[in-house]
Amino acid sequence: MKPIEEIKPLLESPKKVVITMHQKPDADAMGSSLALYHYLIQKGHQVAVISPTNFPDFLKWMPGADQVLDFESMQEKALGALQGIDLLFCLDFNALYRTKNMQPYLEQLRCVKILIDHHLEPQPDFDYGISDTAASSTAQLVYETLYKLGEEQYITNEIAQCIYAGTMTDTGSFRFASTSARVHRMVADLLERGLKHELIHQAIYDNFLENRLRFIGHSLLHRMEVFYEYNTAMMAIPYADLKRFDLQTGDTEGLVNFLLSIQGIKMAALIIDRREEIKLSFRSKGDFDVNTFARRYFEGGGHFNASGGRSTDTLDKTVQRFIKAVQENEELLQ
């Protein structure tokens, strides 16, 4: 994979471009993709942003979100956008299977493929790119890429909003260890450019329906288990709960972090029955590597202290697999 800086000659003349992200995109995936979109539009390129699936309502305020194609519900239009493209930008994922049903179509493309990502162990599917696990977010890498290309003059308020949203959420509102001096210098630059950061906090964190809060209360009271002997907490959510509280995409975002707030807890797991498969989210504090844990036991991966996985077993069997895996890691969790 050639360095990201070497794409600059490719951007000097108009190209047909597609930007895509991982399925069920979060604020970093959507924010980094839309920030890049606004930059490329200014450069005169024909650009389409395709999400493999739908995305949360609390991200639809982002500038340009109304232009994003949902591959699942707009497949014909999305496939049309992929036809004859010159450049494919893959943001906030590093393996094509993370695009779900888009994977076979992306694998068939003969265009230049460019990666911008901060997850571990990227697959060798990309011609150019940057894979920086020390970065707080992919949004931060988009910002830094514009500087590397000498294109920082294109950072508009729309781009700043998208970059800030992606970085803010992926750093846990700037409290995770990934919040480096690089991050604070970037935010200072965005603020000096006129960014109104408080409006972004409100749009993302103060924009839910009542039923989500009732669901959180129900989950904490009835679905949480704490295994103090393993310094681990778990929450297993049956599909019936999702239906009962009429949850929408994104409504379970951040739920796993409640578990880490318990004194002495080193690892937290959120296990959700999504009907088509079981989705798992892992978070940890300190030196317990949930990326390795997710890869070893649940076909997943991510970051050292934040990762995800999947299971095709029932919810009960998945929970038992998780407990057994925790027991096997007892020494590391002490």
C-alpha atoms as a PDB file:
ATOM      1  CA  MET A   1       0.000   0.000   0.000  1.00  0.00           C
ATOM      2  CA  LYS A   2       1.520   3.293  -1.129  1.00  0.00           C
ATOM      3  CA  PRO A   3       1.446   6.325   1.196  1.00  0.00           C
ATOM      4  CA  ILE A   4      -1.716   8.410   1.195  1.00  0.00           C
ATOM      5  CA  GLU A   5       0.237  11.505   0.086  1.00  0.00           C
ATOM      6  CA  GLU A   6       0.861   9.904  -3.297  1.00  0.00           C
ATOM      7  CA  ILE A   7      -2.821  10.168  -4.292  1.00  0.00           C
ATOM      8  CA  LYS A   8      -2.467  13.907  -4.892  1.00  0.00           C
ATOM      9  CA  PRO A   9      -1.769  13.588  -8.653  1.00  0.00           C
ATOM     10  CA  LEU A  10      -4.891  11.425  -8.954  1.00  0.00           C
ATOM     11  CA  LEU A  11      -6.997  14.266  -7.564  1.00  0.00           C
ATOM     12  CA  GLU A  12      -5.744  16.992  -9.885  1.00  0.00           C
ATOM     13  CA  SER A  13      -8.289  16.193 -12.623  1.00  0.00           C
ATOM     14  CA  PRO A  14     -11.995  15.346 -12.201  1.00  0.00           C
ATOM     15  CA  LYS A  15     -12.683  11.722 -11.335  1.00  0.00           C
ATOM     16  CA  LYS A  16     -15.696   9.558 -10.637  1.00  0.00           C
ATOM     17  CA  VAL A  17     -15.360   8.669  -6.952  1.00  0.00           C
ATOM     18  CA  VAL A  18     -17.205   6.516  -4.421  1.00  0.00           C
ATOM     19  CA  ILE A  19     -16.655   6.756  -0.668  1.00  0.00           C
ATOM     20  CA  THR A  20     -17.857   3.887   1.490  1.00  0.00           C
ATOM     21  CA  MET A  21     -17.686   2.822   5.138  1.00  0.00           C
ATOM     22  CA  HIS A  22     -18.466  -0.158   7.378  1.00  0.00           C
ATOM     23  CA  GLN A  23     -21.979  -1.476   7.892  1.00  0.00           C
ATOM     24  CA  LYS A  24     -24.089   0.201  10.588  1.00  0.00           C
ATOM     25  CA  PRO A  25     -21.824   3.262  10.477  1.00  0.00           C
ATOM     26  CA  ASP A  26     -21.125   5.258  13.615  1.00  0.00           C
ATOM     27  CA  ALA A  27     -20.277   8.948  13.836  1.00  0.00           C
ATOM     28  CA  ASP A  28     -16.636   8.361  12.913  1.00  0.00           C
ATOM     29  CA  ALA A  29     -17.459   6.356   9.794  1.00  0.00           C
ATOM     30  CA  MET A  30     -20.097   8.843   8.688  1.00  0.00           C
ATOM     31  CA  GLY A  31     -18.176  11.949   9.761  1.00  0.00           C
ATOM     32  CA  SER A  32     -14.929  10.966   8.053  1.00  0.00           C
ATOM     33  CA  SER A  33     -16.764   9.949   4.870  1.00  0.00           C
ATOM     34  CA  LEU A  34     -18.758  13.179   4.650  1.00  0.00           C
ATOM     35  CA  ALA A  35     -15.707  15.315   5.464  1.00  0.00           C
ATOM     36  CA  LEU A  36     -13.878  13.678   2.552  1.00  0.00           C
ATOM     37  CA  TYR A  37     -16.988  14.092   0.379  1.00  0.00           C
ATOM     38  CA  HIS A  38     -17.106  17.852   0.945  1.00  0.00           C
ATOM     39  CA  TYR A  39     -13.399  18.172   0.122  1.00  0.00           C
ATOM     40  CA  LEU A  40     -13.641  16.163  -3.115  1.00  0.00           C
ATOM     41  CA  ILE A  41     -16.743  18.051  -4.267  1.00  0.00           C
ATOM     42  CA  GLN A  42     -14.826  21.306  -3.929  1.00  0.00           C
ATOM     43  CA  LYS A  43     -12.101  19.806  -6.114  1.00  0.00           C
ATOM     44  CA  GLY A  44     -14.594  19.174  -8.910  1.00  0.00           C
ATOM     45  CA  HIS A  45     -14.962  15.408  -8.612  1.00  0.00           C
ATOM     46  CA  GLN A  46     -18.188  13.455  -9.125  1.00  0.00           C
ATOM     47  CA  VAL A  47     -18.682  11.867  -5.715  1.00  0.00           C
ATOM     48  CA  ALA A  48     -21.136   9.382  -4.220  1.00  0.00           C
ATOM     49  CA  VAL A  49     -21.151   8.242  -0.591  1.00  0.00           C
ATOM     50  CA  ILE A  50     -22.545   4.750  -0.021  1.00  0.00           C
ATOM     51  CA  SER A  51     -23.343   3.255   3.361  1.00  0.00           C
ATOM     52  CA  PRO A  52     -23.685  -0.544   3.327  1.00  0.00           C
ATOM     53  CA  THR A  53     -26.715  -0.260   5.627  1.00  0.00           C
ATOM     54  CA  ASN A  54     -28.902   2.352   7.237  1.00  0.00           C
ATOM     55  CA  PHE A  55     -27.451   4.649   9.880  1.00  0.00           C
ATOM     56  CA  PRO A  56     -28.737   6.284  13.086  1.00  0.00           C
ATOM     57  CA  ASP A  57     -31.150   9.195  12.985  1.00  0.00           C
ATOM     58  CA  PHE A  58     -28.875  11.149  15.342  1.00  0.00           C
ATOM     59  CA  LEU A  59     -26.297  11.358  12.523  1.00  0.00           C
ATOM     60  CA  LYS A  60     -28.673  12.720   9.908  1.00  0.00           C
ATOM     61  CA  TRP A  61     -27.914  16.327  10.892  1.00  0.00           C
ATOM     62  CA  MET A  62     -24.429  15.995   9.384  1.00  0.00           C
ATOM     63  CA  PRO A  63     -23.876  18.185   6.334  1.00  0.00           C
ATOM     64  CA  GLY A  64     -24.319  15.960   3.295  1.00  0.00           C
ATOM     65  CA  ALA A  65     -26.009  13.078   5.143  1.00  0.00           C
ATOM     66  CA  ASP A  66     -29.065  13.505   2.931  1.00  0.00           C
ATOM     67  CA  GLN A  67     -26.895  12.558  -0.067  1.00  0.00           C
ATOM     68  CA  VAL A  68     -25.740   9.209   1.370  1.00  0.00           C
ATOM     69  CA  LEU A  69     -26.999   6.125  -0.460  1.00  0.00           C
ATOM     70  CA  ASP A  70     -28.147   3.208   1.705  1.00  0.00           C
ATOM     71  CA  PHE A  71     -27.021   0.109  -0.191  1.00  0.00           C
ATOM     72  CA  GLU A  72     -29.692  -2.118   1.367  1.00  0.00           C
ATOM     73  CA  SER A  73     -32.668   0.089   0.518  1.00  0.00           C
ATOM     74  CA  MET A  74     -31.236   1.853  -2.572  1.00  0.00           C
ATOM     75  CA  GLN A  75     -29.230  -0.962  -4.155  1.00  0.00           C
ATOM     76  CA  GLU A  76     -29.988  -0.169  -7.793  1.00  0.00           C
ATOM     77  CA  LYS A  77     -28.926   3.456  -7.370  1.00  0.00           C
ATOM     78  CA  ALA A  78     -25.856   2.462  -5.348  1.00  0.00           C
ATOM     79  CA  LEU A  79     -24.723  -0.079  -7.949  1.00  0.00           C
ATOM     80  CA  GLY A  80     -25.186   2.575 -10.603  1.00  0.00           C
ATOM     81  CA  ALA A  81     -22.920   4.896  -8.625  1.00  0.00           C
ATOM     82  CA  LEU A  82     -20.242   2.166  -8.521  1.00  0.00           C
ATOM     83  CA  GLN A  83     -20.235   1.716 -12.278  1.00  0.00           C
ATOM     84  CA  GLY A  84     -17.093   2.995 -13.997  1.00  0.00           C
ATOM     85  CA  ILE A  85     -15.577   4.693 -10.975  1.00  0.00           C
ATOM     86  CA  ASP A  86     -11.950   5.787 -10.960  1.00  0.00           C
ATOM     87  CA  LEU A  87     -11.373   5.873  -7.188  1.00  0.00           C
ATOM     88  CA  LEU A  88     -12.849   3.985  -4.262  1.00  0.00           C
ATOM     89  CA  PHE A  89     -12.193   5.424  -0.785  1.00  0.00           C
ATOM     90  CA  CYS A  90     -12.701   2.953   2.076  1.00  0.00           C
ATOM     91  CA  LEU A  91     -13.047   4.737   5.411  1.00  0.00           C
ATOM     92  CA  ASP A  92     -13.098   3.424   8.979  1.00  0.00           C
ATOM     93  CA  PHE A  93     -12.722  -0.249   8.052  1.00  0.00           C
ATOM     94  CA  ASN A  94      -9.815  -2.281   6.710  1.00  0.00           C
ATOM     95  CA  ALA A  95     -11.392  -5.496   5.409  1.00  0.00           C
ATOM     96  CA  LEU A  96     -14.038  -5.592   2.687  1.00  0.00           C
ATOM     97  CA  TYR A  97     -16.263  -8.055   4.568  1.00  0.00           C
ATOM     98  CA  ARG A  98     -17.116  -5.162   6.904  1.00  0.00           C
ATOM     99  CA  THR A  99     -19.278  -3.769   4.076  1.00  0.00           C
ATOM    100  CA  LYS A 100     -21.693  -6.723   4.344  1.00  0.00           C
ATOM    101  CA  ASN A 101     -23.624  -7.183   1.067  1.00  0.00           C
ATOM    102  CA  MET A 102     -21.428  -4.697  -0.768  1.00  0.00           C
ATOM    103  CA  GLN A 103     -18.369  -6.936  -0.417  1.00  0.00           C
ATOM    104  CA  PRO A 104     -18.646  -8.924  -3.682  1.00  0.00           C
ATOM    105  CA  TYR A 105     -19.291  -5.779  -5.710  1.00  0.00           C
ATOM    106  CA  LEU A 106     -16.302  -3.968  -4.209  1.00  0.00           C
ATOM    107  CA  GLU A 107     -14.048  -6.974  -4.784  1.00  0.00           C
ATOM    108  CA  GLN A 108     -14.920  -6.933  -8.494  1.00  0.00           C
ATOM    109  CA  LEU A 109     -13.992  -3.281  -8.977  1.00  0.00           C
ATOM    110  CA  ARG A 110     -10.857  -2.595 -11.023  1.00  0.00           C
ATOM    111  CA  CYS A 111     -10.460   1.000  -9.883  1.00  0.00           C
ATOM    112  CA  VAL A 112      -7.830   2.452  -7.545  1.00  0.00           C
ATOM    113  CA  LYS A 113      -8.717   1.580  -3.945  1.00  0.00           C
ATOM    114  CA  ILE A 114      -7.679   3.933  -1.136  1.00  0.00           C
ATOM    115  CA  LEU A 115      -7.788   3.176   2.592  1.00  0.00           C
ATOM    116  CA  ILE A 116      -8.103   5.690   5.431  1.00  0.00           C
ATOM    117  CA  ASP A 117      -8.448   3.838   8.722  1.00  0.00           C
ATOM    118  CA  HIS A 118      -7.156   3.397  12.269  1.00  0.00           C
ATOM    119  CA  HIS A 119      -7.917  -0.272  13.001  1.00  0.00           C
ATOM    120  CA  LEU A 120      -5.402  -3.076  13.472  1.00  0.00           C
ATOM    121  CA  GLU A 121      -4.232  -5.490  10.768  1.00  0.00           C
ATOM    122  CA  PRO A 122      -5.521  -4.086   7.458  1.00  0.00           C
ATOM    123  CA  GLN A 123      -6.052  -6.542   4.624  1.00  0.00           C
ATOM    124  CA  PRO A 124      -3.866  -6.144   1.482  1.00  0.00           C
ATOM    125  CA  ASP A 125      -6.745  -4.983  -0.723  1.00  0.00           C
ATOM    126  CA  PHE A 126      -5.711  -1.348  -1.150  1.00  0.00           C
ATOM    127  CA  ASP A 127      -3.437   0.552  -3.542  1.00  0.00           C
ATOM    128  CA  TYR A 128      -2.913   3.696  -1.444  1.00  0.00           C
ATOM    129  CA  GLY A 129      -3.753   4.663   2.064  1.00  0.00           C
ATOM    130  CA  ILE A 130      -3.019   5.273   5.679  1.00  0.00           C
ATOM    131  CA  SER A 131      -3.573   2.818   8.538  1.00  0.00           C
ATOM    132  CA  ASP A 132      -2.616   4.506  11.783  1.00  0.00           C
ATOM    133  CA  THR A 133      -3.678   2.704  14.950  1.00  0.00           C
ATOM    134  CA  ALA A 134      -2.319   5.554  17.074  1.00  0.00           C
ATOM    135  CA  ALA A 135      -4.922   7.909  15.624  1.00  0.00           C
ATOM    136  CA  SER A 136      -8.018   8.553  17.703  1.00  0.00           C
ATOM    137  CA  SER A 137     -10.367   8.238  14.760  1.00  0.00           C
ATOM    138  CA  THR A 138     -10.627   8.017  11.010  1.00  0.00           C
ATOM    139  CA  ALA A 139     -12.007  11.549  11.068  1.00  0.00           C
ATOM    140  CA  GLN A 140      -8.699  12.724  12.540  1.00  0.00           C
ATOM    141  CA  LEU A 141      -6.864  10.956   9.712  1.00  0.00           C
ATOM    142  CA  VAL A 142      -8.995  12.713   7.088  1.00  0.00           C
ATOM    143  CA  TYR A 143      -8.070  16.042   8.686  1.00  0.00           C
ATOM    144  CA  GLU A 144      -4.375  15.130   8.738  1.00  0.00           C
ATOM    145  CA  THR A 145      -4.547  13.836   5.165  1.00  0.00           C
ATOM    146  CA  LEU A 146      -5.767  17.232   3.963  1.00  0.00           C
ATOM    147  CA  TYR A 147      -2.702  18.794   5.572  1.00  0.00           C
ATOM    148  CA  LYS A 148      -0.408  16.160   4.070  1.00  0.00           C
ATOM    149  CA  LEU A 149      -1.843  16.951   0.654  1.00  0.00           C
ATOM    150  CA  GLY A 150      -1.372  20.685   1.244  1.00  0.00           C
ATOM    151  CA  GLU A 151      -5.141  21.148   0.944  1.00  0.00           C
ATOM    152  CA  GLU A 152      -6.011  22.512   4.373  1.00  0.00           C
ATOM    153  CA  GLN A 153      -7.493  25.621   2.760  1.00  0.00           C
ATOM    154  CA  TYR A 154     -10.443  23.423   1.764  1.00  0.00           C
ATOM    155  CA  ILE A 155     -11.468  22.780   5.402  1.00  0.00           C
ATOM    156  CA  THR A 156     -14.898  24.394   5.479  1.00  0.00           C
ATOM    157  CA  ASN A 157     -17.247  24.590   8.444  1.00  0.00           C
ATOM    158  CA  GLU A 158     -19.105  21.561   7.044  1.00  0.00           C
ATOM    159  CA  ILE A 159     -15.890  19.544   7.027  1.00  0.00           C
ATOM    160  CA  ALA A 160     -14.980  20.759  10.513  1.00  0.00           C
ATOM    161  CA  GLN A 161     -18.357  19.642  11.888  1.00  0.00           C
ATOM    162  CA  CYS A 162     -17.982  16.159  10.417  1.00  0.00           C
ATOM    163  CA  ILE A 163     -14.399  15.750  11.632  1.00  0.00           C
ATOM    164  CA  TYR A 164     -15.241  16.943  15.133  1.00  0.00           C
ATOM    165  CA  ALA A 165     -18.258  14.622  15.416  1.00  0.00           C
ATOM    166  CA  GLY A 166     -16.221  11.576  14.396  1.00  0.00           C
ATOM    167  CA  THR A 167     -13.348  12.402  16.727  1.00  0.00           C
ATOM    168  CA  MET A 168     -15.525  13.366  19.690  1.00  0.00           C
ATOM    169  CA  THR A 169     -17.462  10.100  19.641  1.00  0.00           C
ATOM    170  CA  ASP A 170     -14.498   7.792  18.998  1.00  0.00           C
ATOM    171  CA  THR A 171     -12.572   9.332  21.910  1.00  0.00           C
ATOM    172  CA  GLY A 172     -15.511   9.051  24.326  1.00  0.00           C
ATOM    173  CA  SER A 173     -15.818  12.857  24.396  1.00  0.00           C
ATOM    174  CA  PHE A 174     -12.021  13.135  24.623  1.00  0.00           C
ATOM    175  CA  ARG A 175     -11.566  10.875  27.649  1.00  0.00           C
ATOM    176  CA  PHE A 176     -10.032   7.740  26.085  1.00  0.00           C
ATOM    177  CA  ALA A 177      -6.275   7.162  25.967  1.00  0.00           C
ATOM    178  CA  SER A 178      -6.334   7.820  22.211  1.00  0.00           C
ATOM    179  CA  THR A 179      -6.966  11.530  22.956  1.00  0.00           C
ATOM    180  CA  SER A 180      -3.434  12.645  22.171  1.00  0.00           C
ATOM    181  CA  ALA A 181      -1.869  16.078  21.818  1.00  0.00           C
ATOM    182  CA  ARG A 182      -2.485  15.620  18.071  1.00  0.00           C
ATOM    183  CA  VAL A 183      -6.204  15.491  18.766  1.00  0.00           C
ATOM    184  CA  HIS A 184      -6.236  18.628  20.904  1.00  0.00           C
ATOM    185  CA  ARG A 185      -4.192  20.570  18.364  1.00  0.00           C
ATOM    186  CA  MET A 186      -6.644  19.538  15.656  1.00  0.00           C
ATOM    187  CA  VAL A 187      -9.658  20.598  17.716  1.00  0.00           C
ATOM    188  CA  ALA A 188      -8.007  23.934  18.489  1.00  0.00           C
ATOM    189  CA  ASP A 189      -7.529  24.478  14.756  1.00  0.00           C
ATOM    190  CA  LEU A 190     -11.175  23.629  14.037  1.00  0.00           C
ATOM    191  CA  LEU A 191     -12.367  25.996  16.769  1.00  0.00           C
ATOM    192  CA  GLU A 192     -10.198  28.776  15.396  1.00  0.00           C
ATOM    193  CA  ARG A 193     -11.865  28.180  12.030  1.00  0.00           C
ATOM    194  CA  GLY A 194     -15.238  28.946  13.643  1.00  0.00           C
ATOM    195  CA  LEU A 195     -16.545  25.528  14.653  1.00  0.00           C
ATOM    196  CA  LYS A 196     -19.454  25.624  17.167  1.00  0.00           C
ATOM    197  CA  HIS A 197     -18.693  22.409  19.030  1.00  0.00           C
ATOM    198  CA  GLU A 198     -21.527  22.613  21.566  1.00  0.00           C
ATOM    199  CA  LEU A 199     -24.119  22.241  18.796  1.00  0.00           C
ATOM    200  CA  ILE A 200     -22.540  18.950  17.731  1.00  0.00           C
ATOM    201  CA  HIS A 201     -22.666  17.573  21.278  1.00  0.00           C
ATOM    202  CA  GLN A 202     -26.361  18.446  21.437  1.00  0.00           C
ATOM    203  CA  ALA A 203     -27.098  16.909  18.026  1.00  0.00           C
ATOM    204  CA  ILE A 204     -25.502  13.575  18.952  1.00  0.00           C
ATOM    205  CA  TYR A 205     -26.093  13.169  22.684  1.00  0.00           C
ATOM    206  CA  ASP A 206     -29.307  15.129  23.302  1.00  0.00           C
ATOM    207  CA  ASN A 207     -31.362  13.881  20.400  1.00  0.00           C
ATOM    208  CA  PHE A 208     -32.989  10.593  21.455  1.00  0.00           C
ATOM    209  CA  LEU A 209     -36.568   9.520  22.055  1.00  0.00           C
ATOM    210  CA  GLU A 210     -37.984   8.676  25.479  1.00  0.00           C
ATOM    211  CA  ASN A 211     -38.127   4.949  24.702  1.00  0.00           C
ATOM    212  CA  ARG A 212     -34.325   4.724  24.470  1.00  0.00           C
ATOM    213  CA  LEU A 213     -33.927   6.015  28.026  1.00  0.00           C
ATOM    214  CA  ARG A 214     -36.537   3.533  29.280  1.00  0.00           C
ATOM    215  CA  PHE A 215     -34.711   0.749  27.426  1.00  0.00           C
ATOM    216  CA  ILE A 216     -31.420   1.699  29.101  1.00  0.00           C
ATOM    217  CA  GLY A 217     -33.077   1.621  32.537  1.00  0.00           C
ATOM    218  CA  HIS A 218     -34.651  -1.755  31.796  1.00  0.00           C
ATOM    219  CA  SER A 219     -31.328  -3.167  30.560  1.00  0.00           C
ATOM    220  CA  LEU A 220     -29.361  -1.984  33.580  1.00  0.00           C
ATOM    221  CA  LEU A 221     -31.954  -3.402  35.957  1.00  0.00           C
ATOM    222  CA  HIS A 222     -32.778  -6.704  34.260  1.00  0.00           C
ATOM    223  CA  ARG A 223     -30.016  -7.594  31.779  1.00  0.00           C
ATOM    224  CA  MET A 224     -26.778  -6.715  33.537  1.00  0.00           C
ATOM    225  CA  GLU A 225     -24.566  -9.351  35.152  1.00  0.00           C
ATOM    226  CA  VAL A 226     -21.367  -8.637  37.037  1.00  0.00           C
ATOM    227  CA  PHE A 227     -18.652 -11.246  37.485  1.00  0.00           C
ATOM    228  CA  TYR A 228     -16.440  -9.683  40.136  1.00  0.00           C
ATOM    229  CA  GLU A 229     -14.196 -12.742  40.275  1.00  0.00           C
ATOM    230  CA  TYR A 230     -13.203 -11.965  36.675  1.00  0.00           C
ATOM    231  CA  ASN A 231     -13.497  -8.155  36.868  1.00  0.00           C
ATOM    232  CA  THR A 232     -16.017  -8.395  34.044  1.00  0.00           C
ATOM    233  CA  ALA A 233     -19.538  -7.111  33.442  1.00  0.00           C
ATOM    234  CA  MET A 234     -21.947  -8.268  30.748  1.00  0.00           C
ATOM    235  CA  MET A 235     -25.298  -7.239  29.354  1.00  0.00           C
ATOM    236  CA  ALA A 236     -27.234  -9.661  27.123  1.00  0.00           C
ATOM    237  CA  ILE A 237     -30.144  -8.121  25.204  1.00  0.00           C
ATOM    238  CA  PRO A 238     -32.782 -10.442  23.658  1.00  0.00           C
ATOM    239  CA  TYR A 239     -34.460  -9.475  20.410  1.00  0.00           C
ATOM    240  CA  ALA A 240     -37.762  -9.139  22.287  1.00  0.00           C
ATOM    241  CA  ASP A 241     -36.330  -6.116  24.143  1.00  0.00           C
ATOM    242  CA  LEU A 242     -35.449  -4.396  20.880  1.00  0.00           C
ATOM    243  CA  LYS A 243     -39.026  -4.866  19.690  1.00  0.00           C
ATOM    244  CA  ARG A 244     -40.634  -3.957  23.018  1.00  0.00           C
ATOM    245  CA  PHE A 245     -38.899  -0.571  23.161  1.00  0.00           C
ATOM    246  CA  ASP A 246     -39.102  -0.011  19.391  1.00  0.00           C
ATOM    247  CA  LEU A 247     -35.360   0.614  19.130  1.00  0.00           C
ATOM    248  CA  GLN A 248     -33.908   2.128  15.983  1.00  0.00           C
ATOM    249  CA  THR A 249     -30.416   1.916  14.523  1.00  0.00           C
ATOM    250  CA  GLY A 250     -27.971   3.554  16.939  1.00  0.00           C
ATOM    251  CA  ASP A 251     -30.158   3.332  20.046  1.00  0.00           C
ATOM    252  CA  THR A 252     -27.816   0.817  21.719  1.00  0.00           C
ATOM    253  CA  GLU A 253     -24.759   2.979  20.990  1.00  0.00           C
ATOM    254  CA  GLY A 254     -22.710   3.615  24.130  1.00  0.00           C
ATOM    255  CA  LEU A 255     -24.635   1.159  26.306  1.00  0.00           C
ATOM    256  CA  VAL A 256     -21.552  -1.001  26.879  1.00  0.00           C
ATOM    257  CA  ASN A 257     -19.720   1.962  28.422  1.00  0.00           C
ATOM    258  CA  PHE A 258     -22.112   2.000  31.400  1.00  0.00           C
ATOM    259  CA  LEU A 259     -20.640  -1.339  32.455  1.00  0.00           C
ATOM    260  CA  LEU A 260     -17.100   0.007  32.530  1.00  0.00           C
ATOM    261  CA  SER A 261     -18.169   2.640  35.049  1.00  0.00           C
ATOM    262  CA  ILE A 262     -18.502  -0.054  37.747  1.00  0.00           C
ATOM    263  CA  GLN A 263     -15.634   0.065  40.204  1.00  0.00           C
ATOM    264  CA  GLY A 264     -13.038  -2.637  39.542  1.00  0.00           C
ATOM    265  CA  ILE A 265     -14.464  -3.746  36.189  1.00  0.00           C
ATOM    266  CA  LYS A 266     -11.742  -4.340  33.598  1.00  0.00           C
ATOM    267  CA  MET A 267     -13.807  -5.698  30.695  1.00  0.00           C
ATOM    268  CA  ALA A 268     -17.373  -5.037  29.597  1.00  0.00           C
ATOM    269  CA  ALA A 269     -19.426  -6.889  27.002  1.00  0.00           C
ATOM    270  CA  LEU A 270     -22.714  -6.014  25.332  1.00  0.00           C
ATOM    271  CA  ILE A 271     -24.333  -8.991  23.576  1.00  0.00           C
ATOM    272  CA  ILE A 272     -27.361  -8.233  21.411  1.00  0.00           C
ATOM    273  CA  ASP A 273     -29.630 -10.591  19.516  1.00  0.00           C
ATOM    274  CA  ARG A 274     -30.180  -8.837  16.179  1.00  0.00           C
ATOM    275  CA  ARG A 275     -32.162 -11.819  14.848  1.00  0.00           C
ATOM    276  CA  GLU A 276     -29.948 -12.317  11.768  1.00  0.00           C
ATOM    277  CA  GLU A 277     -26.950 -12.800  14.085  1.00  0.00           C
ATOM    278  CA  ILE A 278     -25.680 -11.991  17.561  1.00  0.00           C
ATOM    279  CA  LYS A 279     -23.581  -8.821  17.761  1.00  0.00           C
ATOM    280  CA  LEU A 280     -21.015  -8.324  20.507  1.00  0.00           C
ATOM    281  CA  SER A 281     -19.290  -5.144  21.666  1.00  0.00           C
ATOM    282  CA  PHE A 282     -16.288  -5.269  23.995  1.00  0.00           C
ATOM    283  CA  ARG A 283     -14.628  -2.503  25.991  1.00  0.00           C
ATOM    284  CA  SER A 284     -11.746  -2.696  28.430  1.00  0.00           C
ATOM    285  CA  LYS A 285      -9.645  -0.607  30.757  1.00  0.00           C
ATOM    286  CA  GLY A 286      -5.906  -0.861  31.148  1.00  0.00           C
ATOM    287  CA  ASP A 287      -3.925  -3.720  29.668  1.00  0.00           C
ATOM    288  CA  PHE A 288      -6.619  -6.210  28.673  1.00  0.00           C
ATOM    289  CA  ASP A 289      -6.654  -6.552  24.870  1.00  0.00           C
ATOM    290  CA  VAL A 290     -10.238  -6.956  23.655  1.00  0.00           C
ATOM    291  CA  ASN A 291      -9.085  -6.856  20.024  1.00  0.00           C
ATOM    292  CA  THR A 292      -7.264 -10.164  20.510  1.00  0.00           C
ATOM    293  CA  PHE A 293     -10.171 -11.481  22.615  1.00  0.00           C
ATOM    294  CA  ALA A 294     -12.709 -10.679  19.874  1.00  0.00           C
ATOM    295  CA  ARG A 295     -10.547 -12.196  17.141  1.00  0.00           C
ATOM    296  CA  ARG A 296      -9.915 -15.377  19.091  1.00  0.00           C
ATOM    297  CA  TYR A 297     -13.452 -16.114  20.221  1.00  0.00           C
ATOM    298  CA  PHE A 298     -15.982 -14.160  18.146  1.00  0.00           C
ATOM    299  CA  GLU A 299     -14.731 -13.586  14.576  1.00  0.00           C
ATOM    300  CA  GLY A 300     -14.162  -9.927  15.355  1.00  0.00           C
ATOM    301  CA  GLY A 301     -11.565  -7.331  16.139  1.00  0.00           C
ATOM    302  CA  GLY A 302     -11.027  -3.611  16.366  1.00  0.00           C
ATOM    303  CA  HIS A 303      -8.878  -1.708  18.839  1.00  0.00           C
ATOM    304  CA  PHE A 304      -6.937  -2.735  21.937  1.00  0.00           C
ATOM    305  CA  ASN A 305      -9.590  -1.347  24.329  1.00  0.00           C
ATOM    306  CA  ALA A 306     -12.635  -1.375  22.031  1.00  0.00           C
ATOM    307  CA  SER A 307     -13.686  -4.097  19.630  1.00  0.00           C
ATOM    308  CA  GLY A 308     -16.621  -6.074  18.322  1.00  0.00           C
ATOM    309  CA  GLY A 309     -17.570  -9.561  17.258  1.00  0.00           C
ATOM    310  CA  ARG A 310     -20.367 -11.766  15.983  1.00  0.00           C
ATOM    311  CA  SER A 311     -21.949 -15.140  16.652  1.00  0.00           C
ATOM    312  CA  THR A 312     -24.381 -17.340  14.757  1.00  0.00           C
ATOM    313  CA  ASP A 313     -25.322 -19.265  17.908  1.00  0.00           C
ATOM    314  CA  THR A 314     -28.401 -18.474  19.977  1.00  0.00           C
ATOM    315  CA  LEU A 315     -28.165 -15.704  22.537  1.00  0.00           C
ATOM    316  CA  ASP A 316     -27.968 -18.221  25.400  1.00  0.00           C
ATOM    317  CA  LYS A 317     -25.202 -20.228  23.728  1.00  0.00           C
ATOM    318  CA  THR A 318     -23.288 -17.058  22.896  1.00  0.00           C
ATOM    319  CA  VAL A 319     -23.496 -15.932  26.520  1.00  0.00           C
ATOM    320  CA  GLN A 320     -22.154 -19.300  27.673  1.00  0.00           C
ATOM    321  CA  ARG A 321     -19.322 -19.071  25.126  1.00  0.00           C
ATOM    322  CA  PHE A 322     -18.493 -15.616  26.423  1.00  0.00           C
ATOM    323  CA  ILE A 323     -18.420 -16.747  30.056  1.00  0.00           C
ATOM    324  CA  LYS A 324     -16.184 -19.678  29.153  1.00  0.00           C
ATOM    325  CA  ALA A 325     -13.846 -17.336  27.238  1.00  0.00           C
ATOM    326  CA  VAL A 326     -13.687 -15.005  30.241  1.00  0.00           C
ATOM    327  CA  GLN A 327     -12.795 -17.919  32.495  1.00  0.00           C
ATOM    328  CA  GLU A 328      -9.987 -18.884  30.118  1.00  0.00           C
ATOM    329  CA  ASN A 329      -8.636 -15.334  30.442  1.00  0.00           C
ATOM    330  CA  GLU A 330      -8.968 -15.111  34.224  1.00  0.00           C
ATOM    331  CA  GLU A 331      -5.285 -14.361  34.854  1.00  0.00           C
ATOM    332  CA  LEU A 332      -5.190 -11.553  32.294  1.00  0.00           C
ATOM    333  CA  LEU A 333      -8.295  -9.986  33.831  1.00  0.00           C
ATOM    334  CA  GLN A 334      -6.867  -9.752  37.346  1.00  0.00           C
END
